[in-house]
Amino acid sequence: MFHWGLVWSVGCTTNLDGRLKFNNFLRDLDNKKSMKVFPDEGTIYDYEFKQKEHIWTEWIDSFKNFEIDQKLSYHEIAIPTKDSARNRYLIKLLLSHNYHILTLGPTGTGKSLNCS
C-alpha cells in the first residue's frame, strides 16, 4: 500500500513529463531490489493495487466488459479510458472519506462527467 500511496500522493502532483521521470525513478529503485514491487509493463500510473488480493491490476481491467447501451443518444455515450477509470476511483475514494476535491484540466477531458 505504501507504494500505491506514494504514486498517488507525491507522484500525482506533476505533469506528464514529471510523471515519466517519477516512473523511471521508482522503476530504477525497484530494479535494484531483489523483490520487485511494480509490474513490468506500462508505467506505475497504469495500475491499481487491490489491497484484499495484494495484486496490481491495470485500470483498463475495470471496464474490459464495457458495452454501449443502444438506448443512449450519441451525446450521452461516455467511453471509459484508463484516465477516467483512475480519476473516478480516486474521486470516489476521497469523497467517501469526506475530503473536498478540485479537478483540474483542459476543456473536454471529462472533469464534470467523472465527478457525477
PDB file of N, CA and C in Angstrom:
ATOM      1  N   MET A   1       0.815  -1.187   0.000  1.00  0.00           N
ATOM      2  CA  MET A   1       0.000   0.000   0.000  1.00  0.00           C
ATOM      3  C   MET A   1       0.864   1.258   0.000  1.00  0.00           C
ATOM      4  N   PHE A   2       2.034   1.174   0.611  1.00  0.00           N
ATOM      5  CA  PHE A   2       2.909   2.341   0.639  1.00  0.00           C
ATOM      6  C   PHE A   2       3.246   2.801  -0.774  1.00  0.00           C
ATOM      7  N   HIS A   3       3.593   1.871  -1.628  1.00  0.00           N
ATOM      8  CA  HIS A   3       3.995   2.227  -2.991  1.00  0.00           C
ATOM      9  C   HIS A   3       2.842   2.827  -3.784  1.00  0.00           C
ATOM     10  N   TRP A   4       1.649   2.279  -3.610  1.00  0.00           N
ATOM     11  CA  TRP A   4       0.473   2.830  -4.289  1.00  0.00           C
ATOM     12  C   TRP A   4       0.220   4.240  -3.780  1.00  0.00           C
ATOM     13  N   GLY A   5       0.303   4.425  -2.467  1.00  0.00           N
ATOM     14  CA  GLY A   5       0.117   5.743  -1.874  1.00  0.00           C
ATOM     15  C   GLY A   5       1.171   6.745  -2.329  1.00  0.00           C
ATOM     16  N   LEU A   6       2.390   6.284  -2.508  1.00  0.00           N
ATOM     17  CA  LEU A   6       3.467   7.143  -2.994  1.00  0.00           C
ATOM     18  C   LEU A   6       3.168   7.636  -4.410  1.00  0.00           C
ATOM     19  N   VAL A   7       2.725   6.728  -5.258  1.00  0.00           N
ATOM     20  CA  VAL A   7       2.392   7.089  -6.637  1.00  0.00           C
ATOM     21  C   VAL A   7       1.273   8.117  -6.671  1.00  0.00           C
ATOM     22  N   TRP A   8       0.218   7.921  -5.853  1.00  0.00           N
ATOM     23  CA  TRP A   8      -0.969   8.769  -5.935  1.00  0.00           C
ATOM     24  C   TRP A   8      -0.983   9.918  -4.934  1.00  0.00           C
ATOM     25  N   SER A   9       0.136  10.165  -4.267  1.00  0.00           N
ATOM     26  CA  SER A   9       0.248  11.374  -3.441  1.00  0.00           C
ATOM     27  C   SER A   9       1.382  12.234  -4.003  1.00  0.00           C
ATOM     28  N   VAL A  10       2.589  11.780  -3.888  1.00  0.00           N
ATOM     29  CA  VAL A  10       3.735  12.524  -4.405  1.00  0.00           C
ATOM     30  C   VAL A  10       3.741  12.518  -5.936  1.00  0.00           C
ATOM     31  N   GLY A  11       3.524  11.363  -6.516  1.00  0.00           N
ATOM     32  CA  GLY A  11       3.644  11.213  -7.967  1.00  0.00           C
ATOM     33  C   GLY A  11       2.530  11.817  -8.788  1.00  0.00           C
ATOM     34  N   CYS A  12       1.444  12.207  -8.157  1.00  0.00           N
ATOM     35  CA  CYS A  12       0.330  12.772  -8.929  1.00  0.00           C
ATOM     36  C   CYS A  12       0.394  14.285  -9.009  1.00  0.00           C
ATOM     37  N   THR A  13       1.383  14.893  -8.401  1.00  0.00           N
ATOM     38  CA  THR A  13       1.451  16.346  -8.330  1.00  0.00           C
ATOM     39  C   THR A  13       2.242  16.968  -9.478  1.00  0.00           C
ATOM     40  N   THR A  14       2.448  16.228 -10.528  1.00  0.00           N
ATOM     41  CA  THR A  14       3.284  16.705 -11.622  1.00  0.00           C
ATOM     42  C   THR A  14       2.571  16.576 -12.962  1.00  0.00           C
ATOM     43  N   ASN A  15       3.209  17.053 -14.012  1.00  0.00           N
ATOM     44  CA  ASN A  15       2.648  16.938 -15.364  1.00  0.00           C
ATOM     45  C   ASN A  15       3.122  15.640 -16.009  1.00  0.00           C
ATOM     46  N   LEU A  16       2.808  15.451 -17.292  1.00  0.00           N
ATOM     47  CA  LEU A  16       3.163  14.206 -17.978  1.00  0.00           C
ATOM     48  C   LEU A  16       4.668  13.958 -17.980  1.00  0.00           C
ATOM     49  N   ASP A  17       5.442  14.990 -18.259  1.00  0.00           N
ATOM     50  CA  ASP A  17       6.896  14.838 -18.262  1.00  0.00           C
ATOM     51  C   ASP A  17       7.401  14.425 -16.881  1.00  0.00           C
ATOM     52  N   GLY A  18       6.862  15.053 -15.842  1.00  0.00           N
ATOM     53  CA  GLY A  18       7.242  14.707 -14.473  1.00  0.00           C
ATOM     54  C   GLY A  18       6.818  13.297 -14.099  1.00  0.00           C
ATOM     55  N   ARG A  19       5.665  12.875 -14.597  1.00  0.00           N
ATOM     56  CA  ARG A  19       5.209  11.503 -14.314  1.00  0.00           C
ATOM     57  C   ARG A  19       6.157  10.480 -14.926  1.00  0.00           C
ATOM     58  N   LEU A  20       6.622  10.758 -16.125  1.00  0.00           N
ATOM     59  CA  LEU A  20       7.576   9.841 -16.760  1.00  0.00           C
ATOM     60  C   LEU A  20       8.888   9.785 -15.981  1.00  0.00           C
ATOM     61  N   LYS A  21       9.344  10.930 -15.498  1.00  0.00           N
ATOM     62  CA  LYS A  21      10.571  10.963 -14.691  1.00  0.00           C
ATOM     63  C   LYS A  21      10.374  10.220 -13.369  1.00  0.00           C
ATOM     64  N   PHE A  22       9.224  10.446 -12.727  1.00  0.00           N
ATOM     65  CA  PHE A  22       8.931   9.773 -11.462  1.00  0.00           C
ATOM     66  C   PHE A  22       8.800   8.272 -11.675  1.00  0.00           C
ATOM     67  N   ASN A  23       8.142   7.878 -12.766  1.00  0.00           N
ATOM     68  CA  ASN A  23       8.027   6.466 -13.120  1.00  0.00           C
ATOM     69  C   ASN A  23       9.417   5.846 -13.268  1.00  0.00           C
ATOM     70  N   ASN A  24      10.287   6.511 -14.030  1.00  0.00           N
ATOM     71  CA  ASN A  24      11.637   5.977 -14.247  1.00  0.00           C
ATOM     72  C   ASN A  24      12.431   5.913 -12.953  1.00  0.00           C
ATOM     73  N   PHE A  25      12.277   6.917 -12.099  1.00  0.00           N
ATOM     74  CA  PHE A  25      12.964   6.935 -10.805  1.00  0.00           C
ATOM     75  C   PHE A  25      12.547   5.735  -9.945  1.00  0.00           C
ATOM     76  N   LEU A  26      11.225   5.521  -9.811  1.00  0.00           N
ATOM     77  CA  LEU A  26      10.749   4.399  -8.996  1.00  0.00           C
ATOM     78  C   LEU A  26      11.093   3.055  -9.632  1.00  0.00           C
ATOM     79  N   ARG A  27      11.043   2.972 -10.963  1.00  0.00           N
ATOM     80  CA  ARG A  27      11.421   1.728 -11.642  1.00  0.00           C
ATOM     81  C   ARG A  27      12.893   1.408 -11.406  1.00  0.00           C
ATOM     82  N   ASP A  28      13.754   2.426 -11.446  1.00  0.00           N
ATOM     83  CA  ASP A  28      15.181   2.206 -11.184  1.00  0.00           C
ATOM     84  C   ASP A  28      15.391   1.698  -9.757  1.00  0.00           C
ATOM     85  N   LEU A  29      14.683   2.296  -8.805  1.00  0.00           N
ATOM     86  CA  LEU A  29      14.775   1.808  -7.420  1.00  0.00           C
ATOM     87  C   LEU A  29      14.264   0.378  -7.318  1.00  0.00           C
ATOM     88  N   ASP A  30      13.160   0.109  -8.008  1.00  0.00           N
ATOM     89  CA  ASP A  30      12.541  -1.215  -7.991  1.00  0.00           C
ATOM     90  C   ASP A  30      13.492  -2.268  -8.560  1.00  0.00           C
ATOM     91  N   ASN A  31      14.222  -1.920  -9.617  1.00  0.00           N
ATOM     92  CA  ASN A  31      15.146  -2.858 -10.256  1.00  0.00           C
ATOM     93  C   ASN A  31      16.354  -3.166  -9.388  1.00  0.00           C
ATOM     94  N   LYS A  32      16.662  -2.289  -8.445  1.00  0.00           N
ATOM     95  CA  LYS A  32      17.812  -2.507  -7.563  1.00  0.00           C
ATOM     96  C   LYS A  32      17.486  -3.432  -6.402  1.00  0.00           C
ATOM     97  N   LYS A  33      16.192  -3.694  -6.172  1.00  0.00           N
ATOM     98  CA  LYS A  33      15.781  -4.560  -5.065  1.00  0.00           C
ATOM     99  C   LYS A  33      15.636  -5.990  -5.561  1.00  0.00           C
ATOM    100  N   SER A  34      15.745  -6.923  -4.636  1.00  0.00           N
ATOM    101  CA  SER A  34      15.605  -8.333  -5.015  1.00  0.00           C
ATOM    102  C   SER A  34      14.140  -8.714  -5.243  1.00  0.00           C
ATOM    103  N   MET A  35      13.216  -7.988  -4.615  1.00  0.00           N
ATOM    104  CA  MET A  35      11.794  -8.276  -4.768  1.00  0.00           C
ATOM    105  C   MET A  35      11.119  -7.098  -5.463  1.00  0.00           C
ATOM    106  N   LYS A  36      10.638  -7.323  -6.672  1.00  0.00           N
ATOM    107  CA  LYS A  36      10.013  -6.243  -7.427  1.00  0.00           C
ATOM    108  C   LYS A  36       8.656  -5.884  -6.845  1.00  0.00           C
ATOM    109  N   VAL A  37       8.354  -4.600  -6.851  1.00  0.00           N
ATOM    110  CA  VAL A  37       7.084  -4.106  -6.334  1.00  0.00           C
ATOM    111  C   VAL A  37       6.095  -3.896  -7.471  1.00  0.00           C
ATOM    112  N   PHE A  38       6.524  -3.206  -8.529  1.00  0.00           N
ATOM    113  CA  PHE A  38       5.627  -2.819  -9.617  1.00  0.00           C
ATOM    114  C   PHE A  38       5.663  -3.836 -10.752  1.00  0.00           C
ATOM    115  N   PRO A  39       4.551  -3.989 -11.470  1.00  0.00           N
ATOM    116  CA  PRO A  39       4.543  -4.847 -12.668  1.00  0.00           C
ATOM    117  C   PRO A  39       5.512  -4.290 -13.718  1.00  0.00           C
ATOM    118  N   ASP A  40       5.996  -5.152 -14.594  1.00  0.00           N
ATOM    119  CA  ASP A  40       6.991  -4.753 -15.591  1.00  0.00           C
ATOM    120  C   ASP A  40       6.414  -3.917 -16.730  1.00  0.00           C
ATOM    121  N   GLU A  41       5.188  -4.159 -17.111  1.00  0.00           N
ATOM    122  CA  GLU A  41       4.586  -3.490 -18.270  1.00  0.00           C
ATOM    123  C   GLU A  41       4.072  -2.103 -17.919  1.00  0.00           C
ATOM    124  N   GLY A  42       4.018  -1.219 -18.909  1.00  0.00           N
ATOM    125  CA  GLY A  42       3.414   0.096 -18.743  1.00  0.00           C
ATOM    126  C   GLY A  42       4.157   0.968 -17.745  1.00  0.00           C
ATOM    127  N   THR A  43       3.434   1.946 -17.208  1.00  0.00           N
ATOM    128  CA  THR A  43       4.009   2.826 -16.185  1.00  0.00           C
ATOM    129  C   THR A  43       3.367   2.509 -14.840  1.00  0.00           C
ATOM    130  N   ILE A  44       3.919   3.081 -13.811  1.00  0.00           N
ATOM    131  CA  ILE A  44       3.375   2.869 -12.468  1.00  0.00           C
ATOM    132  C   ILE A  44       1.987   3.464 -12.345  1.00  0.00           C
ATOM    133  N   TYR A  45       1.639   4.375 -13.240  1.00  0.00           N
ATOM    134  CA  TYR A  45       0.334   5.033 -13.217  1.00  0.00           C
ATOM    135  C   TYR A  45      -0.754   4.202 -13.893  1.00  0.00           C
ATOM    136  N   ASP A  46      -0.375   3.117 -14.538  1.00  0.00           N
ATOM    137  CA  ASP A  46      -1.332   2.275 -15.261  1.00  0.00           C
ATOM    138  C   ASP A  46      -1.997   1.233 -14.367  1.00  0.00           C
ATOM    139  N   TYR A  47      -1.637   1.217 -13.084  1.00  0.00           N
ATOM    140  CA  TYR A  47      -2.079   0.135 -12.208  1.00  0.00           C
ATOM    141  C   TYR A  47      -2.780   0.626 -10.947  1.00  0.00           C
ATOM    142  N   GLU A  48      -3.687  -0.208 -10.512  1.00  0.00           N
ATOM    143  CA  GLU A  48      -4.385  -0.042  -9.239  1.00  0.00           C
ATOM    144  C   GLU A  48      -3.923  -1.193  -8.350  1.00  0.00           C
ATOM    145  N   PHE A  49      -3.739  -0.938  -7.070  1.00  0.00           N
ATOM    146  CA  PHE A  49      -3.371  -2.009  -6.145  1.00  0.00           C
ATOM    147  C   PHE A  49      -4.616  -2.510  -5.442  1.00  0.00           C
ATOM    148  N   LYS A  50      -4.907  -3.785  -5.617  1.00  0.00           N
ATOM    149  CA  LYS A  50      -6.056  -4.414  -4.951  1.00  0.00           C
ATOM    150  C   LYS A  50      -5.578  -4.911  -3.585  1.00  0.00           C
ATOM    151  N   GLN A  51      -5.996  -4.218  -2.553  1.00  0.00           N
ATOM    152  CA  GLN A  51      -5.488  -4.494  -1.211  1.00  0.00           C
ATOM    153  C   GLN A  51      -5.861  -5.889  -0.718  1.00  0.00           C
ATOM    154  N   LYS A  52      -7.089  -6.321  -0.959  1.00  0.00           N
ATOM    155  CA  LYS A  52      -7.524  -7.627  -0.455  1.00  0.00           C
ATOM    156  C   LYS A  52      -6.751  -8.777  -1.095  1.00  0.00           C
ATOM    157  N   GLU A  53      -6.478  -8.652  -2.399  1.00  0.00           N
ATOM    158  CA  GLU A  53      -5.782  -9.723  -3.115  1.00  0.00           C
ATOM    159  C   GLU A  53      -4.266  -9.534  -3.140  1.00  0.00           C
ATOM    160  N   HIS A  54      -3.797  -8.348  -2.739  1.00  0.00           N
ATOM    161  CA  HIS A  54      -2.371  -7.996  -2.796  1.00  0.00           C
ATOM    162  C   HIS A  54      -1.805  -8.138  -4.201  1.00  0.00           C
ATOM    163  N   ILE A  55      -2.545  -7.613  -5.172  1.00  0.00           N
ATOM    164  CA  ILE A  55      -2.079  -7.680  -6.567  1.00  0.00           C
ATOM    165  C   ILE A  55      -2.273  -6.316  -7.242  1.00  0.00           C
ATOM    166  N   TRP A  56      -1.478  -6.085  -8.280  1.00  0.00           N
ATOM    167  CA  TRP A  56      -1.631  -4.913  -9.123  1.00  0.00           C
ATOM    168  C   TRP A  56      -2.488  -5.308 -10.319  1.00  0.00           C
ATOM    169  N   THR A  57      -3.477  -4.496 -10.652  1.00  0.00           N
ATOM    170  CA  THR A  57      -4.283  -4.729 -11.849  1.00  0.00           C
ATOM    171  C   THR A  57      -4.304  -3.442 -12.670  1.00  0.00           C
ATOM    172  N   GLU A  58      -4.422  -3.587 -13.962  1.00  0.00           N
ATOM    173  CA  GLU A  58      -4.468  -2.413 -14.824  1.00  0.00           C
ATOM    174  C   GLU A  58      -5.814  -1.714 -14.678  1.00  0.00           C
ATOM    175  N   TRP A  59      -5.800  -0.394 -14.761  1.00  0.00           N
ATOM    176  CA  TRP A  59      -7.038   0.369 -14.669  1.00  0.00           C
ATOM    177  C   TRP A  59      -8.010  -0.061 -15.756  1.00  0.00           C
ATOM    178  N   ILE A  60      -7.508  -0.413 -16.928  1.00  0.00           N
ATOM    179  CA  ILE A  60      -8.395  -0.781 -18.038  1.00  0.00           C
ATOM    180  C   ILE A  60      -9.154  -2.071 -17.757  1.00  0.00           C
ATOM    181  N   ASP A  61      -8.682  -2.880 -16.818  1.00  0.00           N
ATOM    182  CA  ASP A  61      -9.408  -4.105 -16.464  1.00  0.00           C
ATOM    183  C   ASP A  61     -10.775  -3.799 -15.850  1.00  0.00           C
ATOM    184  N   SER A  62     -10.925  -2.599 -15.282  1.00  0.00           N
ATOM    185  CA  SER A  62     -12.194  -2.254 -14.635  1.00  0.00           C
ATOM    186  C   SER A  62     -13.319  -2.021 -15.641  1.00  0.00           C
ATOM    187  N   PHE A  63     -12.997  -1.881 -16.921  1.00  0.00           N
ATOM    188  CA  PHE A  63     -14.047  -1.685 -17.923  1.00  0.00           C
ATOM    189  C   PHE A  63     -13.849  -2.549 -19.165  1.00  0.00           C
ATOM    190  N   LYS A  64     -13.178  -3.681 -19.013  1.00  0.00           N
ATOM    191  CA  LYS A  64     -12.923  -4.532 -20.178  1.00  0.00           C
ATOM    192  C   LYS A  64     -14.201  -5.151 -20.753  1.00  0.00           C
ATOM    193  N   ASN A  65     -15.267  -5.234 -19.974  1.00  0.00           N
ATOM    194  CA  ASN A  65     -16.545  -5.772 -20.466  1.00  0.00           C
ATOM    195  C   ASN A  65     -17.532  -4.669 -20.830  1.00  0.00           C
ATOM    196  N   PHE A  66     -17.033  -3.456 -21.057  1.00  0.00           N
ATOM    197  CA  PHE A  66     -17.879  -2.310 -21.355  1.00  0.00           C
ATOM    198  C   PHE A  66     -18.628  -2.502 -22.677  1.00  0.00           C
ATOM    199  N   GLU A  67     -19.905  -2.206 -22.641  1.00  0.00           N
ATOM    200  CA  GLU A  67     -20.735  -2.222 -23.843  1.00  0.00           C
ATOM    201  C   GLU A  67     -21.558  -0.947 -23.871  1.00  0.00           C
ATOM    202  N   ILE A  68     -21.733  -0.391 -25.047  1.00  0.00           N
ATOM    203  CA  ILE A  68     -22.521   0.827 -25.200  1.00  0.00           C
ATOM    204  C   ILE A  68     -23.997   0.473 -25.150  1.00  0.00           C
ATOM    205  N   ASP A  69     -24.732   1.167 -24.304  1.00  0.00           N
ATOM    206  CA  ASP A  69     -26.177   0.988 -24.206  1.00  0.00           C
ATOM    207  C   ASP A  69     -26.804   1.542 -25.480  1.00  0.00           C
ATOM    208  N   GLN A  70     -27.473   0.703 -26.230  1.00  0.00           N
ATOM    209  CA  GLN A  70     -28.055   1.086 -27.519  1.00  0.00           C
ATOM    210  C   GLN A  70     -29.178   2.114 -27.384  1.00  0.00           C
ATOM    211  N   LYS A  71     -29.708   2.281 -26.180  1.00  0.00           N
ATOM    212  CA  LYS A  71     -30.798   3.232 -25.952  1.00  0.00           C
ATOM    213  C   LYS A  71     -30.298   4.668 -25.779  1.00  0.00           C
ATOM    214  N   LEU A  72     -29.009   4.838 -25.559  1.00  0.00           N
ATOM    215  CA  LEU A  72     -28.458   6.161 -25.329  1.00  0.00           C
ATOM    216  C   LEU A  72     -28.319   6.947 -26.629  1.00  0.00           C
ATOM    217  N   SER A  73     -28.498   8.245 -26.522  1.00  0.00           N
ATOM    218  CA  SER A  73     -28.214   9.128 -27.650  1.00  0.00           C
ATOM    219  C   SER A  73     -26.704   9.297 -27.755  1.00  0.00           C
ATOM    220  N   TYR A  74     -26.251   9.738 -28.908  1.00  0.00           N
ATOM    221  CA  TYR A  74     -24.816   9.888 -29.153  1.00  0.00           C
ATOM    222  C   TYR A  74     -24.155  10.768 -28.083  1.00  0.00           C
ATOM    223  N   HIS A  75     -24.790  11.884 -27.735  1.00  0.00           N
ATOM    224  CA  HIS A  75     -24.198  12.816 -26.774  1.00  0.00           C
ATOM    225  C   HIS A  75     -24.211  12.287 -25.334  1.00  0.00           C
ATOM    226  N   GLU A  76     -24.900  11.186 -25.088  1.00  0.00           N
ATOM    227  CA  GLU A  76     -24.950  10.597 -23.747  1.00  0.00           C
ATOM    228  C   GLU A  76     -23.917   9.495 -23.549  1.00  0.00           C
ATOM    229  N   ILE A  77     -23.248   9.095 -24.602  1.00  0.00           N
ATOM    230  CA  ILE A  77     -22.294   7.991 -24.536  1.00  0.00           C
ATOM    231  C   ILE A  77     -20.956   8.491 -24.002  1.00  0.00           C
ATOM    232  N   ALA A  78     -20.447   7.810 -23.009  1.00  0.00           N
ATOM    233  CA  ALA A  78     -19.128   8.103 -22.449  1.00  0.00           C
ATOM    234  C   ALA A  78     -18.303   6.821 -22.490  1.00  0.00           C
ATOM    235  N   ILE A  79     -17.256   6.845 -23.280  1.00  0.00           N
ATOM    236  CA  ILE A  79     -16.382   5.685 -23.408  1.00  0.00           C
ATOM    237  C   ILE A  79     -15.329   5.755 -22.303  1.00  0.00           C
ATOM    238  N   PRO A  80     -15.252   4.750 -21.447  1.00  0.00           N
ATOM    239  CA  PRO A  80     -14.259   4.785 -20.368  1.00  0.00           C
ATOM    240  C   PRO A  80     -12.841   4.617 -20.905  1.00  0.00           C
ATOM    241  N   THR A  81     -11.914   5.279 -20.244  1.00  0.00           N
ATOM    242  CA  THR A  81     -10.492   5.154 -20.548  1.00  0.00           C
ATOM    243  C   THR A  81      -9.761   4.871 -19.244  1.00  0.00           C
ATOM    244  N   LYS A  82      -8.480   4.542 -19.343  1.00  0.00           N
ATOM    245  CA  LYS A  82      -7.748   4.308 -18.095  1.00  0.00           C
ATOM    246  C   LYS A  82      -7.684   5.590 -17.271  1.00  0.00           C
ATOM    247  N   ASP A  83      -7.649   6.753 -17.938  1.00  0.00           N
ATOM    248  CA  ASP A  83      -7.646   8.018 -17.196  1.00  0.00           C
ATOM    249  C   ASP A  83      -8.964   8.238 -16.468  1.00  0.00           C
ATOM    250  N   SER A  84     -10.085   7.981 -17.139  1.00  0.00           N
ATOM    251  CA  SER A  84     -11.375   8.177 -16.481  1.00  0.00           C
ATOM    252  C   SER A  84     -11.580   7.158 -15.358  1.00  0.00           C
ATOM    253  N   ALA A  85     -11.133   5.921 -15.555  1.00  0.00           N
ATOM    254  CA  ALA A  85     -11.250   4.903 -14.501  1.00  0.00           C
ATOM    255  C   ALA A  85     -10.430   5.307 -13.286  1.00  0.00           C
ATOM    256  N   ARG A  86      -9.237   5.773 -13.524  1.00  0.00           N
ATOM    257  CA  ARG A  86      -8.338   6.223 -12.467  1.00  0.00           C
ATOM    258  C   ARG A  86      -8.948   7.415 -11.724  1.00  0.00           C
ATOM    259  N   ASN A  87      -9.416   8.404 -12.480  1.00  0.00           N
ATOM    260  CA  ASN A  87      -9.991   9.602 -11.865  1.00  0.00           C
ATOM    261  C   ASN A  87     -11.243   9.288 -11.055  1.00  0.00           C
ATOM    262  N   ARG A  88     -12.128   8.476 -11.611  1.00  0.00           N
ATOM    263  CA  ARG A  88     -13.365   8.121 -10.895  1.00  0.00           C
ATOM    264  C   ARG A  88     -13.046   7.397  -9.591  1.00  0.00           C
ATOM    265  N   TYR A  89     -12.102   6.471  -9.642  1.00  0.00           N
ATOM    266  CA  TYR A  89     -11.721   5.721  -8.448  1.00  0.00           C
ATOM    267  C   TYR A  89     -11.211   6.673  -7.362  1.00  0.00           C
ATOM    268  N   LEU A  90     -10.273   7.544  -7.736  1.00  0.00           N
ATOM    269  CA  LEU A  90      -9.678   8.445  -6.752  1.00  0.00           C
ATOM    270  C   LEU A  90     -10.693   9.453  -6.218  1.00  0.00           C
ATOM    271  N   ILE A  91     -11.563   9.964  -7.090  1.00  0.00           N
ATOM    272  CA  ILE A  91     -12.605  10.897  -6.655  1.00  0.00           C
ATOM    273  C   ILE A  91     -13.555  10.208  -5.682  1.00  0.00           C
ATOM    274  N   LYS A  92     -13.988   8.994  -6.024  1.00  0.00           N
ATOM    275  CA  LYS A  92     -14.894   8.244  -5.149  1.00  0.00           C
ATOM    276  C   LYS A  92     -14.234   7.956  -3.799  1.00  0.00           C
ATOM    277  N   LEU A  93     -12.968   7.583  -3.820  1.00  0.00           N
ATOM    278  CA  LEU A  93     -12.242   7.293  -2.588  1.00  0.00           C
ATOM    279  C   LEU A  93     -12.172   8.531  -1.694  1.00  0.00           C
ATOM    280  N   LEU A  94     -11.829   9.662  -2.274  1.00  0.00           N
ATOM    281  CA  LEU A  94     -11.730  10.892  -1.489  1.00  0.00           C
ATOM    282  C   LEU A  94     -13.089  11.338  -0.949  1.00  0.00           C
ATOM    283  N   LEU A  95     -14.111  11.326  -1.805  1.00  0.00           N
ATOM    284  CA  LEU A  95     -15.439  11.755  -1.365  1.00  0.00           C
ATOM    285  C   LEU A  95     -16.022  10.833  -0.298  1.00  0.00           C
ATOM    286  N   SER A  96     -15.753   9.535  -0.416  1.00  0.00           N
ATOM    287  CA  SER A  96     -16.290   8.593   0.574  1.00  0.00           C
ATOM    288  C   SER A  96     -15.657   8.790   1.955  1.00  0.00           C
ATOM    289  N   HIS A  97     -14.525   9.485   2.002  1.00  0.00           N
ATOM    290  CA  HIS A  97     -13.871   9.793   3.279  1.00  0.00           C
ATOM    291  C   HIS A  97     -14.010  11.276   3.627  1.00  0.00           C
ATOM    292  N   ASN A  98     -15.003  11.926   2.995  1.00  0.00           N
ATOM    293  CA  ASN A  98     -15.362  13.312   3.286  1.00  0.00           C
ATOM    294  C   ASN A  98     -14.247  14.324   3.020  1.00  0.00           C
ATOM    295  N   TYR A  99     -13.420  14.080   1.993  1.00  0.00           N
ATOM    296  CA  TYR A  99     -12.423  15.045   1.570  1.00  0.00           C
ATOM    297  C   TYR A  99     -12.990  15.894   0.447  1.00  0.00           C
ATOM    298  N   HIS A 100     -12.628  17.153   0.439  1.00  0.00           N
ATOM    299  CA  HIS A 100     -13.008  18.040  -0.657  1.00  0.00           C
ATOM    300  C   HIS A 100     -12.075  17.772  -1.826  1.00  0.00           C
ATOM    301  N   ILE A 101     -12.582  17.931  -3.034  1.00  0.00           N
ATOM    302  CA  ILE A 101     -11.743  17.709  -4.211  1.00  0.00           C
ATOM    303  C   ILE A 101     -11.888  18.876  -5.175  1.00  0.00           C
ATOM    304  N   LEU A 102     -10.869  19.058  -5.988  1.00  0.00           N
ATOM    305  CA  LEU A 102     -10.883  20.025  -7.067  1.00  0.00           C
ATOM    306  C   LEU A 102     -10.246  19.338  -8.256  1.00  0.00           C
ATOM    307  N   THR A 103     -11.003  19.149  -9.320  1.00  0.00           N
ATOM    308  CA  THR A 103     -10.449  18.511 -10.506  1.00  0.00           C
ATOM    309  C   THR A 103     -10.080  19.583 -11.514  1.00  0.00           C
ATOM    310  N   LEU A 104      -8.871  19.482 -12.025  1.00  0.00           N
ATOM    311  CA  LEU A 104      -8.324  20.451 -12.960  1.00  0.00           C
ATOM    312  C   LEU A 104      -8.060  19.789 -14.304  1.00  0.00           C
ATOM    313  N   GLY A 105      -8.023  20.602 -15.331  1.00  0.00           N
ATOM    314  CA  GLY A 105      -7.661  20.101 -16.650  1.00  0.00           C
ATOM    315  C   GLY A 105      -8.330  20.897 -17.744  1.00  0.00           C
ATOM    316  N   PRO A 106      -7.878  20.658 -18.964  1.00  0.00           N
ATOM    317  CA  PRO A 106      -8.433  21.389 -20.100  1.00  0.00           C
ATOM    318  C   PRO A 106      -9.895  21.016 -20.364  1.00  0.00           C
ATOM    319  N   THR A 107     -10.579  21.867 -21.126  1.00  0.00           N
ATOM    320  CA  THR A 107     -11.949  21.625 -21.513  1.00  0.00           C
ATOM    321  C   THR A 107     -12.047  20.310 -22.289  1.00  0.00           C
ATOM    322  N   GLY A 108     -13.110  19.546 -22.000  1.00  0.00           N
ATOM    323  CA  GLY A 108     -13.376  18.320 -22.745  1.00  0.00           C
ATOM    324  C   GLY A 108     -12.643  17.093 -22.271  1.00  0.00           C
ATOM    325  N   THR A 109     -12.080  17.137 -21.078  1.00  0.00           N
ATOM    326  CA  THR A 109     -11.341  15.966 -20.574  1.00  0.00           C
ATOM    327  C   THR A 109     -12.141  15.128 -19.592  1.00  0.00           C
ATOM    328  N   GLY A 110     -13.438  15.442 -19.405  1.00  0.00           N
ATOM    329  CA  GLY A 110     -14.314  14.600 -18.594  1.00  0.00           C
ATOM    330  C   GLY A 110     -14.364  14.945 -17.124  1.00  0.00           C
ATOM    331  N   LYS A 111     -13.957  16.144 -16.752  1.00  0.00           N
ATOM    332  CA  LYS A 111     -13.968  16.511 -15.330  1.00  0.00           C
ATOM    333  C   LYS A 111     -15.379  16.430 -14.742  1.00  0.00           C
ATOM    334  N   SER A 112     -16.345  17.033 -15.402  1.00  0.00           N
ATOM    335  CA  SER A 112     -17.716  17.023 -14.895  1.00  0.00           C
ATOM    336  C   SER A 112     -18.306  15.621 -14.925  1.00  0.00           C
ATOM    337  N   LEU A 113     -18.054  14.894 -15.966  1.00  0.00           N
ATOM    338  CA  LEU A 113     -18.575  13.535 -16.113  1.00  0.00           C
ATOM    339  C   LEU A 113     -18.019  12.607 -15.036  1.00  0.00           C
ATOM    340  N   ASN A 114     -16.732  12.728 -14.751  1.00  0.00           N
ATOM    341  CA  ASN A 114     -16.098  11.867 -13.748  1.00  0.00           C
ATOM    342  C   ASN A 114     -16.536  12.193 -12.334  1.00  0.00           C
ATOM    343  N   CYS A 115     -17.023  13.385 -12.115  1.00  0.00           N
ATOM    344  CA  CYS A 115     -17.466  13.784 -10.768  1.00  0.00           C
ATOM    345  C   CYS A 115     -18.932  13.479 -10.531  1.00  0.00           C
ATOM    346  N   SER A 116     -19.646  13.079 -11.567  1.00  0.00           N
ATOM    347  CA  SER A 116     -21.080  12.867 -11.387  1.00  0.00           C
ATOM    348  C   SER A 116     -21.388  11.489 -10.861  1.00  0.00           C
TER     349      SER A 116
END
